[in-house]
Amino acid sequence: MPTQLFYSVTIPVTLWFITRGKKQTGKTLFIDARNMGHMVDRKHRDFSEEDIVRLANTFTAFQKGILEDVKGFCAVATTKQIADQDYILTPGRYVGIEEKEEDDEPFADKMNRLTTELGGMFAKSHELEEEIKKNLEGIGFKI
């Protein structure tokens, strides 16, 4: 689960659901939901209706035996695979890392673009700094 989902816990958490009569014996579903949800305010995250539906549909597909692994999100592991991992139950170990599209912009071009943008932002920040100083002086405060 992502950070800041629970009001008393600001770190990512792992939830375990243990069932005696599960339909997929010898198999465990791992879901890595760390990247799900949206920030409600500075300190709290919440799941959208779509997030909840995605999680529920994933679990339902697992129970029916039709779930396909999604790199970076979910994976089904057998008890043997878990044993091979020394019984470490961290979801990321089984679901892997989501594949990202390659950035085809050459490094030098990207750095030129980004440093130009940064230079513009620095110039704007200096303008704003001078404007703030001028406004403060106008009400009798000098920096």
C-alpha atoms as a PDB file:
ATOM      1  CA  MET A   1       0.000   0.000   0.000  1.00  0.00           C
ATOM      2  CA  PRO A   2       1.201   3.550  -0.645  1.00  0.00           C
ATOM      3  CA  THR A   3       2.515   5.972   1.934  1.00  0.00           C
ATOM      4  CA  GLN A   4       0.098   8.142   3.903  1.00  0.00           C
ATOM      5  CA  LEU A   5      -2.916   5.924   3.219  1.00  0.00           C
ATOM      6  CA  PHE A   6      -3.616   5.299   6.886  1.00  0.00           C
ATOM      7  CA  TYR A   7      -3.940   8.316   9.161  1.00  0.00           C
ATOM      8  CA  SER A   8      -1.580   6.963  11.814  1.00  0.00           C
ATOM      9  CA  VAL A   9       1.055   5.499   9.461  1.00  0.00           C
ATOM     10  CA  THR A  10       3.055   7.627   7.021  1.00  0.00           C
ATOM     11  CA  ILE A  11       5.179   4.819   5.565  1.00  0.00           C
ATOM     12  CA  PRO A  12       4.155   2.216   2.959  1.00  0.00           C
ATOM     13  CA  VAL A  13       2.430  -0.766   4.551  1.00  0.00           C
ATOM     14  CA  THR A  14       1.871  -4.376   3.620  1.00  0.00           C
ATOM     15  CA  LEU A  15      -1.497  -5.995   4.217  1.00  0.00           C
ATOM     16  CA  TRP A  16      -1.755  -9.764   4.489  1.00  0.00           C
ATOM     17  CA  PHE A  17      -5.043 -11.579   4.083  1.00  0.00           C
ATOM     18  CA  ILE A  18      -4.819 -15.181   5.211  1.00  0.00           C
ATOM     19  CA  THR A  19      -7.648 -17.560   4.317  1.00  0.00           C
ATOM     20  CA  ARG A  20      -8.037 -21.228   5.092  1.00  0.00           C
ATOM     21  CA  GLY A  21     -10.451 -22.091   2.313  1.00  0.00           C
ATOM     22  CA  LYS A  22      -8.917 -20.115  -0.535  1.00  0.00           C
ATOM     23  CA  LYS A  23      -9.659 -21.181  -4.079  1.00  0.00           C
ATOM     24  CA  GLN A  24      -6.065 -20.968  -5.328  1.00  0.00           C
ATOM     25  CA  THR A  25      -4.287 -23.400  -3.004  1.00  0.00           C
ATOM     26  CA  GLY A  26      -0.514 -23.242  -3.095  1.00  0.00           C
ATOM     27  CA  LYS A  27      -0.581 -19.801  -4.696  1.00  0.00           C
ATOM     28  CA  THR A  28      -0.268 -16.310  -3.267  1.00  0.00           C
ATOM     29  CA  LEU A  29      -1.360 -13.055  -4.865  1.00  0.00           C
ATOM     30  CA  PHE A  30       1.047 -10.142  -4.520  1.00  0.00           C
ATOM     31  CA  ILE A  31      -0.153  -6.629  -5.331  1.00  0.00           C
ATOM     32  CA  ASP A  32       2.160  -3.642  -5.237  1.00  0.00           C
ATOM     33  CA  ALA A  33      -0.160  -0.655  -4.790  1.00  0.00           C
ATOM     34  CA  ARG A  34       2.496   1.845  -3.714  1.00  0.00           C
ATOM     35  CA  ASN A  35       1.901   4.033  -6.766  1.00  0.00           C
ATOM     36  CA  MET A  36      -1.883   4.051  -6.462  1.00  0.00           C
ATOM     37  CA  GLY A  37      -4.104   6.689  -4.935  1.00  0.00           C
ATOM     38  CA  HIS A  38      -4.030  10.463  -4.866  1.00  0.00           C
ATOM     39  CA  MET A  39      -3.135  12.991  -2.201  1.00  0.00           C
ATOM     40  CA  VAL A  40      -6.194  14.442  -0.438  1.00  0.00           C
ATOM     41  CA  ASP A  41      -4.052  16.972   1.380  1.00  0.00           C
ATOM     42  CA  ARG A  42      -0.393  17.315   2.348  1.00  0.00           C
ATOM     43  CA  LYS A  43      -0.504  14.381   4.729  1.00  0.00           C
ATOM     44  CA  HIS A  44      -3.206  12.010   3.538  1.00  0.00           C
ATOM     45  CA  ARG A  45      -3.672   9.797   0.497  1.00  0.00           C
ATOM     46  CA  ASP A  46      -6.883   8.169  -0.683  1.00  0.00           C
ATOM     47  CA  PHE A  47      -7.882   5.649  -3.320  1.00  0.00           C
ATOM     48  CA  SER A  48     -10.176   6.702  -6.137  1.00  0.00           C
ATOM     49  CA  GLU A  49     -13.160   4.577  -7.094  1.00  0.00           C
ATOM     50  CA  GLU A  50     -11.124   3.343 -10.084  1.00  0.00           C
ATOM     51  CA  ASP A  51      -8.280   2.268  -7.777  1.00  0.00           C
ATOM     52  CA  ILE A  52     -10.679   0.302  -5.592  1.00  0.00           C
ATOM     53  CA  VAL A  53     -12.285  -1.364  -8.617  1.00  0.00           C
ATOM     54  CA  ARG A  54      -8.861  -2.272 -10.030  1.00  0.00           C
ATOM     55  CA  LEU A  55      -7.827  -3.897  -6.745  1.00  0.00           C
ATOM     56  CA  ALA A  56     -11.143  -5.747  -6.414  1.00  0.00           C
ATOM     57  CA  ASN A  57     -11.042  -6.967 -10.023  1.00  0.00           C
ATOM     58  CA  THR A  58      -7.464  -8.145  -9.559  1.00  0.00           C
ATOM     59  CA  PHE A  59      -8.434 -10.190  -6.501  1.00  0.00           C
ATOM     60  CA  THR A  60     -11.513 -11.595  -8.246  1.00  0.00           C
ATOM     61  CA  ALA A  61      -9.438 -12.657 -11.272  1.00  0.00           C
ATOM     62  CA  PHE A  62      -6.953 -14.322  -8.908  1.00  0.00           C
ATOM     63  CA  GLN A  63      -9.741 -16.270  -7.196  1.00  0.00           C
ATOM     64  CA  LYS A  64     -11.065 -17.418 -10.565  1.00  0.00           C
ATOM     65  CA  GLY A  65      -7.585 -18.467 -11.663  1.00  0.00           C
ATOM     66  CA  ILE A  66      -7.560 -16.142 -14.667  1.00  0.00           C
ATOM     67  CA  LEU A  67      -5.249 -13.404 -13.407  1.00  0.00           C
ATOM     68  CA  GLU A  68      -2.265 -12.565 -15.570  1.00  0.00           C
ATOM     69  CA  ASP A  69       0.776 -10.975 -13.947  1.00  0.00           C
ATOM     70  CA  VAL A  70       1.133  -7.244 -14.574  1.00  0.00           C
ATOM     71  CA  LYS A  71       4.738  -6.114 -14.269  1.00  0.00           C
ATOM     72  CA  GLY A  72       5.044  -3.600 -11.441  1.00  0.00           C
ATOM     73  CA  PHE A  73       1.507  -4.199 -10.129  1.00  0.00           C
ATOM     74  CA  CYS A  74       0.548  -7.829  -9.452  1.00  0.00           C
ATOM     75  CA  ALA A  75       1.895 -11.353  -9.624  1.00  0.00           C
ATOM     76  CA  VAL A  76       0.852 -14.812  -8.532  1.00  0.00           C
ATOM     77  CA  ALA A  77       3.586 -16.833  -6.842  1.00  0.00           C
ATOM     78  CA  THR A  78       3.590 -20.478  -5.891  1.00  0.00           C
ATOM     79  CA  THR A  79       4.668 -21.651  -2.462  1.00  0.00           C
ATOM     80  CA  LYS A  80       7.852 -23.002  -4.093  1.00  0.00           C
ATOM     81  CA  GLN A  81       8.651 -19.600  -5.611  1.00  0.00           C
ATOM     82  CA  ILE A  82       8.157 -18.006  -2.191  1.00  0.00           C
ATOM     83  CA  ALA A  83      10.425 -20.642  -0.619  1.00  0.00           C
ATOM     84  CA  ASP A  84      13.052 -19.917  -3.290  1.00  0.00           C
ATOM     85  CA  GLN A  85      12.962 -16.292  -2.103  1.00  0.00           C
ATOM     86  CA  ASP A  86      13.602 -17.399   1.514  1.00  0.00           C
ATOM     87  CA  TYR A  87       9.950 -16.717   2.352  1.00  0.00           C
ATOM     88  CA  ILE A  88      10.384 -12.977   1.956  1.00  0.00           C
ATOM     89  CA  LEU A  89       6.906 -11.586   1.350  1.00  0.00           C
ATOM     90  CA  THR A  90       7.707  -8.157  -0.052  1.00  0.00           C
ATOM     91  CA  PRO A  91       5.410  -7.650  -3.085  1.00  0.00           C
ATOM     92  CA  GLY A  92       8.054  -5.845  -5.139  1.00  0.00           C
ATOM     93  CA  ARG A  93      10.196  -8.977  -5.138  1.00  0.00           C
ATOM     94  CA  TYR A  94       7.499 -10.847  -7.080  1.00  0.00           C
ATOM     95  CA  VAL A  95       5.782  -8.171  -9.185  1.00  0.00           C
ATOM     96  CA  GLY A  96       9.010  -6.574 -10.397  1.00  0.00           C
ATOM     97  CA  ILE A  97       9.369  -3.065 -11.762  1.00  0.00           C
ATOM     98  CA  GLU A  98       6.924  -1.547 -14.202  1.00  0.00           C
ATOM     99  CA  GLU A  99       8.402  -1.170 -17.642  1.00  0.00           C
ATOM    100  CA  LYS A 100       8.612   2.456 -18.679  1.00  0.00           C
ATOM    101  CA  GLU A 101       8.754   3.825 -22.172  1.00  0.00           C
ATOM    102  CA  GLU A 102      12.258   4.660 -23.229  1.00  0.00           C
ATOM    103  CA  ASP A 103      13.195   8.295 -23.346  1.00  0.00           C
ATOM    104  CA  ASP A 104      14.417   8.780 -26.899  1.00  0.00           C
ATOM    105  CA  GLU A 105      15.597  12.378 -26.347  1.00  0.00           C
ATOM    106  CA  PRO A 106      19.412  12.454 -26.460  1.00  0.00           C
ATOM    107  CA  PHE A 107      20.988  13.296 -23.108  1.00  0.00           C
ATOM    108  CA  ALA A 108      22.788  16.438 -24.323  1.00  0.00           C
ATOM    109  CA  ASP A 109      19.598  17.809 -25.923  1.00  0.00           C
ATOM    110  CA  LYS A 110      17.589  17.045 -22.792  1.00  0.00           C
ATOM    111  CA  MET A 111      20.138  18.738 -20.517  1.00  0.00           C
ATOM    112  CA  ASN A 112      20.215  21.816 -22.783  1.00  0.00           C
ATOM    113  CA  ARG A 113      16.430  22.021 -22.712  1.00  0.00           C
ATOM    114  CA  LEU A 114      16.203  21.511 -18.949  1.00  0.00           C
ATOM    115  CA  THR A 115      18.986  23.969 -18.085  1.00  0.00           C
ATOM    116  CA  THR A 116      17.381  26.589 -20.342  1.00  0.00           C
ATOM    117  CA  GLU A 117      14.053  26.071 -18.551  1.00  0.00           C
ATOM    118  CA  LEU A 118      15.803  26.252 -15.182  1.00  0.00           C
ATOM    119  CA  GLY A 119      17.576  29.472 -16.185  1.00  0.00           C
ATOM    120  CA  GLY A 120      14.206  31.007 -17.052  1.00  0.00           C
ATOM    121  CA  MET A 121      12.792  29.925 -13.701  1.00  0.00           C
ATOM    122  CA  PHE A 122      15.778  31.436 -11.863  1.00  0.00           C
ATOM    123  CA  ALA A 123      15.296  34.737 -13.723  1.00  0.00           C
ATOM    124  CA  LYS A 124      11.586  34.754 -12.823  1.00  0.00           C
ATOM    125  CA  SER A 125      12.408  34.002  -9.168  1.00  0.00           C
ATOM    126  CA  HIS A 126      14.776  36.996  -9.061  1.00  0.00           C
ATOM    127  CA  GLU A 127      12.051  39.222 -10.524  1.00  0.00           C
ATOM    128  CA  LEU A 128       9.598  38.009  -7.913  1.00  0.00           C
ATOM    129  CA  GLU A 129      12.173  38.473  -5.140  1.00  0.00           C
ATOM    130  CA  GLU A 130      12.697  42.116  -6.167  1.00  0.00           C
ATOM    131  CA  GLU A 131       8.934  42.685  -6.350  1.00  0.00           C
ATOM    132  CA  ILE A 132       8.463  41.238  -2.855  1.00  0.00           C
ATOM    133  CA  LYS A 133      11.260  43.447  -1.468  1.00  0.00           C
ATOM    134  CA  LYS A 134       9.681  46.505  -3.118  1.00  0.00           C
ATOM    135  CA  ASN A 135       6.240  45.653  -1.669  1.00  0.00           C
ATOM    136  CA  LEU A 136       7.688  45.131   1.796  1.00  0.00           C
ATOM    137  CA  GLU A 137       9.507  48.481   1.618  1.00  0.00           C
ATOM    138  CA  GLY A 138       6.197  50.060   0.592  1.00  0.00           C
ATOM    139  CA  ILE A 139       4.656  49.012   3.919  1.00  0.00           C
ATOM    140  CA  GLY A 140       7.714  50.002   5.968  1.00  0.00           C
ATOM    141  CA  PHE A 141       9.801  46.824   6.106  1.00  0.00           C
ATOM    142  CA  LYS A 142      13.232  46.499   4.531  1.00  0.00           C
ATOM    143  CA  ILE A 143      15.173  43.322   3.888  1.00  0.00           C
END
